[in-house]
Amino acid sequence: MRRAPRLHDVAAIVLISMWPAAAKAENYKDQLSLQGITFDVSATQDGAVTKLTITPSGLKAVNDPVTHEIDGRVVRAEVADIDANGDPEIYVFTTSKGDQRGGVIAYSTNKKKSMSQIFVPSLADDAKNNVGYVGGDESAIVENALVTRFKLHTGFGSEARPTGKWRQLQYKLRPGEAGWKMVLDKVVEF
């Protein structure tokens, strides 16, 4: 004969049912496809760092996974062909621990044979456009560009105060000397 659940039984059930969601909070898994190429993107917490793995399939020559260690977590991934050359790219958006500074790890396929990393400039290294930046940025693929936007602040650290304005940086994908790179195309404040 089953007895009715008591208060401590319900609490245990709630805690157990919450555990899988909490365990997945630092992990990420997605599969994205475009133009016959599939990217499996996964991120797992490994101590203090997150291990990001991107595994392509459908490439004609090299389908080896690539791995990165990131100090933070993966927010999401997008697949696109923003330069419309028939070779898809994968964009993985990350955020750091603490100040929630965004990052982008990106790869382009090369004539659907292999893939190589796209150089994405760090906002921290952009002395002109990082004025007023304290983290909390958002990035996405919008039409044929990588767009990053963030709230502008005055002051630094605990003294930083929002101004009510945003800055948006738009990057285009261009061939570089030794590979692909994102080049700043437009800056808008609103």
N, C-alpha and C. Protein backbone atom coordinates (compact mmCIF):
# COMPACT_ATOMS: atom_id res chain seq x y z
N MET A 1 0.84 -1.17 0.00
CA MET A 1 0.00 0.00 0.00
C MET A 1 0.89 1.24 0.00
N ARG A 2 0.64 2.19 -0.92
CA ARG A 2 1.42 3.44 -0.99
C ARG A 2 0.87 4.45 -0.02
N ARG A 3 1.78 5.16 0.58
CA ARG A 3 1.35 6.23 1.48
C ARG A 3 1.39 7.55 0.72
N ALA A 4 0.67 8.51 1.19
CA ALA A 4 0.67 9.83 0.58
C ALA A 4 2.02 10.50 0.82
N PRO A 5 2.52 11.29 -0.13
CA PRO A 5 3.80 11.96 0.08
C PRO A 5 3.69 12.98 1.21
N ARG A 6 4.75 13.07 1.97
CA ARG A 6 4.81 14.05 3.05
C ARG A 6 5.63 15.24 2.58
N LEU A 7 5.67 16.27 3.38
CA LEU A 7 6.36 17.51 3.02
C LEU A 7 7.80 17.27 2.61
N HIS A 8 8.56 16.47 3.39
CA HIS A 8 9.97 16.24 3.05
C HIS A 8 10.10 15.42 1.76
N ASP A 9 9.11 14.58 1.45
CA ASP A 9 9.13 13.84 0.19
C ASP A 9 9.01 14.80 -0.99
N VAL A 10 8.11 15.74 -0.89
CA VAL A 10 7.91 16.71 -1.97
C VAL A 10 9.16 17.55 -2.15
N ALA A 11 9.76 18.00 -1.07
CA ALA A 11 10.99 18.80 -1.17
C ALA A 11 12.09 18.01 -1.86
N ALA A 12 12.21 16.74 -1.55
CA ALA A 12 13.23 15.91 -2.19
C ALA A 12 12.95 15.76 -3.68
N ILE A 13 11.70 15.60 -4.03
CA ILE A 13 11.33 15.48 -5.44
C ILE A 13 11.65 16.77 -6.18
N VAL A 14 11.34 17.90 -5.59
CA VAL A 14 11.62 19.19 -6.23
C VAL A 14 13.12 19.36 -6.43
N LEU A 15 13.92 19.06 -5.42
CA LEU A 15 15.37 19.20 -5.54
C LEU A 15 15.94 18.27 -6.60
N ILE A 16 15.46 17.05 -6.65
CA ILE A 16 15.95 16.10 -7.65
C ILE A 16 15.55 16.56 -9.04
N SER A 17 14.32 17.05 -9.20
CA SER A 17 13.90 17.48 -10.54
C SER A 17 14.62 18.75 -10.97
N MET A 18 15.09 19.57 -10.04
CA MET A 18 15.82 20.78 -10.41
C MET A 18 17.26 20.47 -10.78
N TRP A 19 17.82 19.39 -10.30
CA TRP A 19 19.24 19.10 -10.50
C TRP A 19 19.65 19.02 -11.97
N PRO A 20 18.95 18.29 -12.86
CA PRO A 20 19.39 18.24 -14.25
C PRO A 20 19.45 19.61 -14.91
N ALA A 21 18.49 20.48 -14.63
CA ALA A 21 18.52 21.82 -15.21
C ALA A 21 19.73 22.59 -14.70
N ALA A 22 20.01 22.47 -13.42
CA ALA A 22 21.17 23.17 -12.86
C ALA A 22 22.46 22.60 -13.43
N ALA A 23 22.50 21.30 -13.64
CA ALA A 23 23.72 20.69 -14.19
C ALA A 23 23.97 21.13 -15.62
N LYS A 24 22.90 21.40 -16.38
CA LYS A 24 23.05 21.81 -17.77
C LYS A 24 23.35 23.30 -17.92
N ALA A 25 23.23 24.06 -16.84
CA ALA A 25 23.38 25.51 -16.94
C ALA A 25 24.72 25.92 -17.54
N GLU A 26 25.80 25.18 -17.27
CA GLU A 26 27.12 25.52 -17.79
C GLU A 26 27.45 24.74 -19.05
N ASN A 27 26.60 23.81 -19.46
CA ASN A 27 26.85 23.00 -20.65
C ASN A 27 26.02 23.52 -21.82
N TYR A 28 26.48 23.19 -23.01
CA TYR A 28 25.79 23.64 -24.22
C TYR A 28 25.94 22.56 -25.28
N LYS A 29 24.89 22.34 -26.05
CA LYS A 29 24.96 21.37 -27.14
C LYS A 29 23.97 21.81 -28.22
N ASP A 30 24.46 21.85 -29.46
CA ASP A 30 23.60 22.22 -30.57
C ASP A 30 24.17 21.63 -31.85
N GLN A 31 23.32 21.44 -32.83
CA GLN A 31 23.74 20.97 -34.14
C GLN A 31 23.12 21.90 -35.18
N LEU A 32 23.98 22.50 -36.00
CA LEU A 32 23.53 23.48 -36.99
C LEU A 32 24.02 23.08 -38.36
N SER A 33 23.18 23.23 -39.37
CA SER A 33 23.54 22.82 -40.73
C SER A 33 23.21 23.93 -41.72
N LEU A 34 24.04 24.01 -42.75
CA LEU A 34 23.80 24.93 -43.85
C LEU A 34 24.58 24.45 -45.07
N GLN A 35 23.95 24.42 -46.20
CA GLN A 35 24.59 24.10 -47.48
C GLN A 35 25.33 22.76 -47.45
N GLY A 36 24.74 21.77 -46.77
CA GLY A 36 25.31 20.43 -46.74
C GLY A 36 26.40 20.21 -45.71
N ILE A 37 26.72 21.22 -44.92
CA ILE A 37 27.73 21.10 -43.87
C ILE A 37 27.03 21.20 -42.52
N THR A 38 27.38 20.30 -41.61
CA THR A 38 26.80 20.29 -40.27
C THR A 38 27.89 20.57 -39.25
N PHE A 39 27.55 21.35 -38.24
CA PHE A 39 28.47 21.66 -37.15
C PHE A 39 27.83 21.20 -35.85
N ASP A 40 28.50 20.29 -35.14
CA ASP A 40 28.09 19.91 -33.79
C ASP A 40 28.89 20.79 -32.84
N VAL A 41 28.18 21.56 -32.03
CA VAL A 41 28.81 22.47 -31.09
C VAL A 41 28.47 22.00 -29.69
N SER A 42 29.51 21.78 -28.87
CA SER A 42 29.26 21.38 -27.49
C SER A 42 30.24 22.10 -26.58
N ALA A 43 29.77 22.37 -25.38
CA ALA A 43 30.62 23.00 -24.37
C ALA A 43 30.32 22.32 -23.04
N THR A 44 31.38 21.94 -22.35
CA THR A 44 31.23 21.29 -21.05
C THR A 44 32.14 21.98 -20.05
N GLN A 45 31.64 22.05 -18.84
CA GLN A 45 32.43 22.64 -17.76
C GLN A 45 33.52 21.66 -17.36
N ASP A 46 34.75 22.14 -17.29
CA ASP A 46 35.89 21.31 -16.90
C ASP A 46 36.67 22.07 -15.84
N GLY A 47 36.22 21.94 -14.60
CA GLY A 47 36.85 22.71 -13.52
C GLY A 47 36.50 24.17 -13.66
N ALA A 48 37.52 25.03 -13.72
CA ALA A 48 37.30 26.47 -13.80
C ALA A 48 37.07 26.97 -15.22
N VAL A 49 37.32 26.13 -16.21
CA VAL A 49 37.16 26.56 -17.60
C VAL A 49 36.07 25.74 -18.30
N THR A 50 35.63 26.26 -19.41
CA THR A 50 34.67 25.57 -20.25
C THR A 50 35.39 25.09 -21.49
N LYS A 51 35.18 23.84 -21.85
CA LYS A 51 35.80 23.26 -23.03
C LYS A 51 34.78 23.29 -24.17
N LEU A 52 35.08 24.07 -25.21
CA LEU A 52 34.22 24.19 -26.38
C LEU A 52 34.77 23.31 -27.49
N THR A 53 33.91 22.50 -28.09
CA THR A 53 34.30 21.64 -29.21
C THR A 53 33.35 21.88 -30.38
N ILE A 54 33.94 22.13 -31.54
CA ILE A 54 33.17 22.28 -32.78
C ILE A 54 33.59 21.15 -33.70
N THR A 55 32.64 20.30 -34.07
CA THR A 55 32.93 19.16 -34.94
C THR A 55 32.14 19.30 -36.24
N PRO A 56 32.85 19.50 -37.35
CA PRO A 56 32.15 19.60 -38.63
C PRO A 56 31.89 18.22 -39.22
N SER A 57 30.91 18.12 -40.08
CA SER A 57 30.71 16.92 -40.89
C SER A 57 30.17 17.36 -42.25
N GLY A 58 30.52 16.58 -43.26
CA GLY A 58 30.12 16.91 -44.62
C GLY A 58 31.21 17.60 -45.43
N LEU A 59 32.35 17.92 -44.78
CA LEU A 59 33.47 18.51 -45.52
C LEU A 59 34.15 17.42 -46.33
N LYS A 60 34.70 17.75 -47.48
CA LYS A 60 35.27 16.76 -48.39
C LYS A 60 36.61 16.21 -47.94
N ALA A 61 37.39 16.97 -47.17
CA ALA A 61 38.74 16.51 -46.81
C ALA A 61 38.94 16.31 -45.31
N VAL A 62 38.71 17.35 -44.52
CA VAL A 62 39.04 17.30 -43.09
C VAL A 62 37.80 17.62 -42.26
N ASN A 63 37.39 16.66 -41.43
CA ASN A 63 36.26 16.86 -40.53
C ASN A 63 36.69 16.73 -39.07
N ASP A 64 37.92 17.14 -38.78
CA ASP A 64 38.45 17.03 -37.42
C ASP A 64 37.82 18.06 -36.50
N PRO A 65 37.54 17.67 -35.25
CA PRO A 65 37.00 18.64 -34.30
C PRO A 65 38.07 19.64 -33.88
N VAL A 66 37.63 20.84 -33.51
CA VAL A 66 38.52 21.86 -32.95
C VAL A 66 38.03 22.15 -31.54
N THR A 67 38.97 22.44 -30.65
CA THR A 67 38.65 22.64 -29.25
C THR A 67 39.23 23.96 -28.76
N HIS A 68 38.48 24.65 -27.93
CA HIS A 68 38.92 25.90 -27.30
C HIS A 68 38.58 25.83 -25.82
N GLU A 69 39.42 26.43 -24.99
CA GLU A 69 39.08 26.61 -23.59
C GLU A 69 38.65 28.05 -23.42
N ILE A 70 37.49 28.25 -22.81
CA ILE A 70 37.00 29.60 -22.60
C ILE A 70 36.75 29.84 -21.11
N ASP A 71 36.97 31.06 -20.69
CA ASP A 71 36.74 31.46 -19.31
C ASP A 71 35.34 32.06 -19.24
N GLY A 72 34.35 31.22 -19.15
CA GLY A 72 32.97 31.67 -19.16
C GLY A 72 32.08 30.57 -19.67
N ARG A 73 31.11 30.95 -20.48
CA ARG A 73 30.17 29.96 -21.00
C ARG A 73 29.76 30.30 -22.42
N VAL A 74 29.24 29.29 -23.11
CA VAL A 74 28.70 29.48 -24.45
C VAL A 74 27.25 29.93 -24.31
N VAL A 75 26.90 31.01 -24.99
CA VAL A 75 25.54 31.53 -24.95
C VAL A 75 24.69 30.87 -26.03
N ARG A 76 25.24 30.83 -27.25
CA ARG A 76 24.54 30.19 -28.36
C ARG A 76 25.48 30.12 -29.56
N ALA A 77 25.01 29.47 -30.62
CA ALA A 77 25.79 29.38 -31.86
C ALA A 77 24.85 29.66 -33.03
N GLU A 78 25.44 30.17 -34.10
CA GLU A 78 24.68 30.44 -35.32
C GLU A 78 25.51 29.97 -36.51
N VAL A 79 24.83 29.52 -37.55
CA VAL A 79 25.49 29.17 -38.79
C VAL A 79 25.00 30.15 -39.85
N ALA A 80 25.91 30.56 -40.73
CA ALA A 80 25.55 31.56 -41.75
C ALA A 80 26.53 31.46 -42.91
N ASP A 81 26.24 32.19 -43.95
CA ASP A 81 27.16 32.38 -45.07
C ASP A 81 27.11 33.87 -45.38
N ILE A 82 27.69 34.67 -44.48
CA ILE A 82 27.49 36.11 -44.57
C ILE A 82 28.20 36.76 -45.75
N ASP A 83 29.20 36.09 -46.31
CA ASP A 83 29.84 36.65 -47.50
C ASP A 83 29.26 36.03 -48.79
N ALA A 84 28.27 35.17 -48.65
CA ALA A 84 27.54 34.58 -49.77
C ALA A 84 28.45 33.92 -50.80
N ASN A 85 29.49 33.21 -50.31
CA ASN A 85 30.42 32.54 -51.24
C ASN A 85 30.15 31.04 -51.36
N GLY A 86 29.09 30.56 -50.70
CA GLY A 86 28.75 29.15 -50.77
C GLY A 86 29.45 28.29 -49.73
N ASP A 87 30.28 28.91 -48.88
CA ASP A 87 30.97 28.20 -47.80
C ASP A 87 30.45 28.70 -46.46
N PRO A 88 29.70 27.86 -45.73
CA PRO A 88 29.12 28.32 -44.47
C PRO A 88 30.17 28.56 -43.39
N GLU A 89 29.77 29.42 -42.45
CA GLU A 89 30.59 29.71 -41.27
C GLU A 89 29.79 29.33 -40.02
N ILE A 90 30.51 29.04 -38.95
CA ILE A 90 29.90 28.78 -37.65
C ILE A 90 30.39 29.87 -36.69
N TYR A 91 29.46 30.44 -35.95
CA TYR A 91 29.75 31.51 -34.99
C TYR A 91 29.28 31.04 -33.62
N VAL A 92 30.19 31.01 -32.65
CA VAL A 92 29.86 30.61 -31.29
C VAL A 92 30.02 31.83 -30.41
N PHE A 93 28.95 32.21 -29.73
CA PHE A 93 28.93 33.40 -28.90
C PHE A 93 29.14 33.00 -27.44
N THR A 94 30.09 33.67 -26.79
CA THR A 94 30.44 33.35 -25.41
C THR A 94 30.28 34.58 -24.53
N THR A 95 30.25 34.34 -23.25
CA THR A 95 30.28 35.44 -22.28
C THR A 95 31.20 35.04 -21.15
N SER A 96 31.97 36.00 -20.67
CA SER A 96 32.95 35.72 -19.62
C SER A 96 32.27 35.68 -18.26
N LYS A 97 32.97 35.10 -17.31
CA LYS A 97 32.49 35.11 -15.93
C LYS A 97 32.65 36.53 -15.39
N GLY A 98 31.84 36.88 -14.43
CA GLY A 98 32.00 38.19 -13.78
C GLY A 98 31.39 39.32 -14.57
N ASP A 99 32.18 40.00 -15.39
CA ASP A 99 31.71 41.21 -16.08
C ASP A 99 30.89 40.92 -17.33
N GLN A 100 30.69 39.66 -17.67
CA GLN A 100 29.84 39.27 -18.79
C GLN A 100 30.28 39.89 -20.12
N ARG A 101 31.58 39.93 -20.35
CA ARG A 101 32.09 40.43 -21.62
C ARG A 101 31.90 39.36 -22.69
N GLY A 102 31.36 39.76 -23.81
CA GLY A 102 31.06 38.82 -24.88
C GLY A 102 32.28 38.49 -25.71
N GLY A 103 32.21 37.36 -26.36
CA GLY A 103 33.26 36.93 -27.27
C GLY A 103 32.65 36.13 -28.41
N VAL A 104 33.40 36.01 -29.50
CA VAL A 104 32.94 35.24 -30.65
C VAL A 104 34.08 34.34 -31.11
N ILE A 105 33.80 33.06 -31.23
CA ILE A 105 34.73 32.11 -31.83
C ILE A 105 34.08 31.65 -33.12
N ALA A 106 34.78 31.84 -34.23
CA ALA A 106 34.15 31.59 -35.53
C ALA A 106 35.09 30.83 -36.46
N TYR A 107 34.48 30.02 -37.33
CA TYR A 107 35.22 29.26 -38.34
C TYR A 107 34.49 29.37 -39.67
N SER A 108 35.26 29.37 -40.74
CA SER A 108 34.71 29.34 -42.09
C SER A 108 35.15 28.05 -42.76
N THR A 109 34.28 27.51 -43.59
CA THR A 109 34.70 26.37 -44.40
C THR A 109 35.44 26.91 -45.63
N ASN A 110 36.35 26.10 -46.14
CA ASN A 110 37.19 26.48 -47.27
C ASN A 110 36.85 25.58 -48.45
N LYS A 111 36.02 26.10 -49.34
CA LYS A 111 35.56 25.36 -50.51
C LYS A 111 34.97 24.00 -50.12
N LYS A 112 34.37 23.96 -48.92
CA LYS A 112 33.73 22.78 -48.36
C LYS A 112 34.68 21.60 -48.22
N LYS A 113 35.98 21.89 -48.10
CA LYS A 113 36.98 20.83 -47.91
C LYS A 113 37.46 20.76 -46.47
N SER A 114 37.65 21.90 -45.84
CA SER A 114 38.16 21.98 -44.47
C SER A 114 37.60 23.25 -43.86
N MET A 115 38.02 23.55 -42.64
CA MET A 115 37.60 24.81 -42.04
C MET A 115 38.79 25.46 -41.35
N SER A 116 38.74 26.78 -41.29
CA SER A 116 39.80 27.54 -40.62
C SER A 116 39.16 28.64 -39.78
N GLN A 117 39.88 29.02 -38.73
CA GLN A 117 39.35 30.00 -37.80
C GLN A 117 39.30 31.38 -38.43
N ILE A 118 38.24 32.10 -38.10
CA ILE A 118 38.07 33.49 -38.53
C ILE A 118 38.61 34.37 -37.41
N PHE A 119 39.47 35.32 -37.76
CA PHE A 119 39.96 36.27 -36.77
C PHE A 119 38.84 37.28 -36.49
N VAL A 120 38.44 37.34 -35.22
CA VAL A 120 37.43 38.29 -34.78
C VAL A 120 38.12 39.24 -33.80
N PRO A 121 38.21 40.54 -34.13
CA PRO A 121 38.91 41.46 -33.25
C PRO A 121 38.24 41.56 -31.88
N SER A 122 39.06 41.70 -30.86
CA SER A 122 38.56 41.84 -29.50
C SER A 122 38.15 43.29 -29.27
N LEU A 123 36.99 43.48 -28.68
CA LEU A 123 36.54 44.82 -28.36
C LEU A 123 37.48 45.49 -27.36
N ALA A 124 38.09 44.70 -26.50
CA ALA A 124 39.04 45.24 -25.52
C ALA A 124 40.25 45.88 -26.19
N ASP A 125 40.60 45.41 -27.39
CA ASP A 125 41.75 45.95 -28.12
C ASP A 125 41.40 47.13 -29.02
N ASP A 126 40.14 47.52 -29.06
CA ASP A 126 39.69 48.62 -29.91
C ASP A 126 39.57 49.88 -29.05
N ALA A 127 40.67 50.63 -28.93
CA ALA A 127 40.73 51.79 -28.02
C ALA A 127 39.67 52.84 -28.33
N LYS A 128 39.33 53.00 -29.58
CA LYS A 128 38.35 54.03 -29.96
C LYS A 128 36.93 53.61 -29.61
N ASN A 129 36.57 52.38 -29.93
CA ASN A 129 35.18 51.95 -29.77
C ASN A 129 34.86 51.28 -28.45
N ASN A 130 35.86 51.02 -27.61
CA ASN A 130 35.54 50.40 -26.32
C ASN A 130 35.35 51.43 -25.21
N VAL A 131 35.42 52.71 -25.54
CA VAL A 131 35.15 53.76 -24.56
C VAL A 131 33.69 53.64 -24.12
N GLY A 132 33.46 53.51 -22.84
CA GLY A 132 32.12 53.35 -22.32
C GLY A 132 31.66 51.91 -22.21
N TYR A 133 32.54 50.96 -22.59
CA TYR A 133 32.21 49.53 -22.57
C TYR A 133 32.58 48.93 -21.22
N VAL A 134 31.62 48.25 -20.59
CA VAL A 134 31.89 47.56 -19.33
C VAL A 134 31.38 46.12 -19.35
N GLY A 135 31.12 45.59 -20.53
CA GLY A 135 30.60 44.23 -20.64
C GLY A 135 29.11 44.25 -20.93
N GLY A 136 28.51 43.08 -20.83
CA GLY A 136 27.08 42.96 -21.09
C GLY A 136 26.72 43.11 -22.56
N ASP A 137 27.69 42.88 -23.45
CA ASP A 137 27.41 43.05 -24.88
C ASP A 137 26.67 41.84 -25.45
N GLU A 138 26.01 42.09 -26.57
CA GLU A 138 25.26 41.07 -27.29
C GLU A 138 25.78 41.03 -28.71
N SER A 139 25.94 39.84 -29.26
CA SER A 139 26.37 39.69 -30.65
C SER A 139 25.43 38.75 -31.38
N ALA A 140 25.29 38.98 -32.67
CA ALA A 140 24.43 38.13 -33.50
C ALA A 140 24.80 38.34 -34.96
N ILE A 141 24.38 37.40 -35.78
CA ILE A 141 24.50 37.55 -37.23
C ILE A 141 23.22 38.25 -37.68
N VAL A 142 23.38 39.40 -38.31
CA VAL A 142 22.25 40.17 -38.81
C VAL A 142 22.47 40.38 -40.30
N GLU A 143 21.60 39.77 -41.10
CA GLU A 143 21.72 39.79 -42.56
C GLU A 143 23.11 39.32 -42.98
N ASN A 144 23.96 40.17 -43.46
CA ASN A 144 25.28 39.73 -43.94
C ASN A 144 26.41 40.32 -43.11
N ALA A 145 26.20 40.43 -41.80
CA ALA A 145 27.22 41.02 -40.93
C ALA A 145 27.17 40.40 -39.54
N LEU A 146 28.29 40.50 -38.84
CA LEU A 146 28.36 40.19 -37.42
C LEU A 146 28.14 41.51 -36.70
N VAL A 147 27.15 41.56 -35.83
CA VAL A 147 26.81 42.79 -35.13
C VAL A 147 27.00 42.58 -33.63
N THR A 148 27.72 43.51 -33.00
CA THR A 148 27.90 43.52 -31.56
C THR A 148 27.39 44.85 -31.04
N ARG A 149 26.58 44.81 -29.97
CA ARG A 149 26.11 46.06 -29.39
C ARG A 149 26.20 45.99 -27.88
N PHE A 150 26.33 47.16 -27.27
CA PHE A 150 26.45 47.23 -25.82
C PHE A 150 25.98 48.59 -25.33
N LYS A 151 25.55 48.61 -24.06
CA LYS A 151 25.16 49.85 -23.41
C LYS A 151 26.41 50.65 -23.10
N LEU A 152 26.34 51.96 -23.30
CA LEU A 152 27.46 52.84 -22.98
C LEU A 152 27.37 53.27 -21.52
N HIS A 153 28.53 53.38 -20.89
CA HIS A 153 28.63 53.78 -19.49
C HIS A 153 29.63 54.91 -19.33
N THR A 154 29.46 55.69 -18.27
CA THR A 154 30.49 56.65 -17.88
C THR A 154 31.16 56.09 -16.64
N GLY A 155 32.43 56.36 -16.46
CA GLY A 155 33.15 55.84 -15.31
C GLY A 155 33.60 54.41 -15.52
N PHE A 156 34.28 53.88 -14.50
CA PHE A 156 34.85 52.53 -14.59
C PHE A 156 34.50 51.73 -13.34
N GLY A 157 34.52 50.41 -13.47
CA GLY A 157 34.30 49.51 -12.34
C GLY A 157 33.00 49.80 -11.62
N SER A 158 33.06 49.90 -10.30
CA SER A 158 31.85 50.13 -9.51
C SER A 158 31.29 51.54 -9.71
N GLU A 159 32.09 52.43 -10.29
CA GLU A 159 31.65 53.80 -10.56
C GLU A 159 30.93 53.93 -11.91
N ALA A 160 30.91 52.88 -12.71
CA ALA A 160 30.30 52.94 -14.05
C ALA A 160 28.79 53.13 -13.94
N ARG A 161 28.28 54.07 -14.72
CA ARG A 161 26.85 54.35 -14.75
C ARG A 161 26.37 54.36 -16.20
N PRO A 162 25.22 53.74 -16.47
CA PRO A 162 24.71 53.72 -17.85
C PRO A 162 24.32 55.12 -18.31
N THR A 163 24.59 55.40 -19.59
CA THR A 163 24.25 56.70 -20.17
C THR A 163 22.87 56.69 -20.82
N GLY A 164 22.32 55.51 -21.05
CA GLY A 164 21.06 55.40 -21.77
C GLY A 164 21.26 55.21 -23.26
N LYS A 165 22.50 55.25 -23.72
CA LYS A 165 22.81 55.06 -25.13
C LYS A 165 23.43 53.69 -25.37
N TRP A 166 23.37 53.27 -26.63
CA TRP A 166 23.97 52.01 -27.07
C TRP A 166 24.97 52.30 -28.17
N ARG A 167 25.98 51.45 -28.28
CA ARG A 167 26.90 51.49 -29.43
C ARG A 167 26.80 50.14 -30.14
N GLN A 168 26.71 50.19 -31.46
CA GLN A 168 26.61 48.98 -32.26
C GLN A 168 27.74 48.96 -33.27
N LEU A 169 28.48 47.85 -33.29
CA LEU A 169 29.59 47.66 -34.22
C LEU A 169 29.20 46.59 -35.22
N GLN A 170 29.40 46.89 -36.49
CA GLN A 170 29.05 45.94 -37.56
C GLN A 170 30.32 45.52 -38.28
N TYR A 171 30.53 44.19 -38.37
CA TYR A 171 31.73 43.63 -39.00
C TYR A 171 31.35 42.85 -40.25
N LYS A 172 32.20 42.93 -41.26
CA LYS A 172 32.04 42.16 -42.49
C LYS A 172 33.15 41.11 -42.56
N LEU A 173 32.86 39.97 -43.17
CA LEU A 173 33.84 38.91 -43.34
C LEU A 173 34.64 39.18 -44.61
N ARG A 174 35.96 39.19 -44.44
CA ARG A 174 36.86 39.48 -45.57
C ARG A 174 38.02 38.48 -45.56
N PRO A 175 38.55 38.16 -46.75
CA PRO A 175 39.75 37.32 -46.77
C PRO A 175 40.95 38.12 -46.26
N GLY A 176 41.78 37.46 -45.44
CA GLY A 176 43.00 38.08 -44.95
C GLY A 176 44.20 37.46 -45.64
N GLU A 177 45.39 37.80 -45.17
CA GLU A 177 46.61 37.25 -45.76
C GLU A 177 46.70 35.75 -45.56
N ALA A 178 46.37 35.29 -44.36
CA ALA A 178 46.53 33.87 -44.05
C ALA A 178 45.22 33.20 -43.67
N GLY A 179 44.11 33.85 -43.93
CA GLY A 179 42.82 33.27 -43.57
C GLY A 179 41.74 34.33 -43.59
N TRP A 180 40.64 34.04 -42.93
CA TRP A 180 39.50 34.94 -42.89
C TRP A 180 39.58 35.85 -41.68
N LYS A 181 38.99 37.06 -41.82
CA LYS A 181 38.95 37.98 -40.69
C LYS A 181 37.70 38.84 -40.75
N MET A 182 37.26 39.27 -39.59
CA MET A 182 36.15 40.21 -39.48
C MET A 182 36.74 41.62 -39.48
N VAL A 183 36.20 42.48 -40.33
CA VAL A 183 36.68 43.85 -40.47
C VAL A 183 35.55 44.79 -40.08
N LEU A 184 35.86 45.75 -39.21
CA LEU A 184 34.86 46.72 -38.77
C LEU A 184 34.38 47.52 -39.97
N ASP A 185 33.06 47.54 -40.15
CA ASP A 185 32.45 48.20 -41.31
C ASP A 185 31.70 49.46 -40.92
N LYS A 186 31.00 49.42 -39.78
CA LYS A 186 30.15 50.54 -39.41
C LYS A 186 30.00 50.60 -37.90
N VAL A 187 29.94 51.82 -37.36
CA VAL A 187 29.69 52.05 -35.93
C VAL A 187 28.50 53.00 -35.83
N VAL A 188 27.51 52.60 -35.02
CA VAL A 188 26.31 53.42 -34.85
C VAL A 188 26.05 53.57 -33.36
N GLU A 189 25.68 54.78 -32.94
CA GLU A 189 25.24 55.00 -31.56
C GLU A 189 23.79 55.45 -31.58
N PHE A 190 23.02 54.94 -30.65
CA PHE A 190 21.61 55.32 -30.58
C PHE A 190 21.15 55.34 -29.14
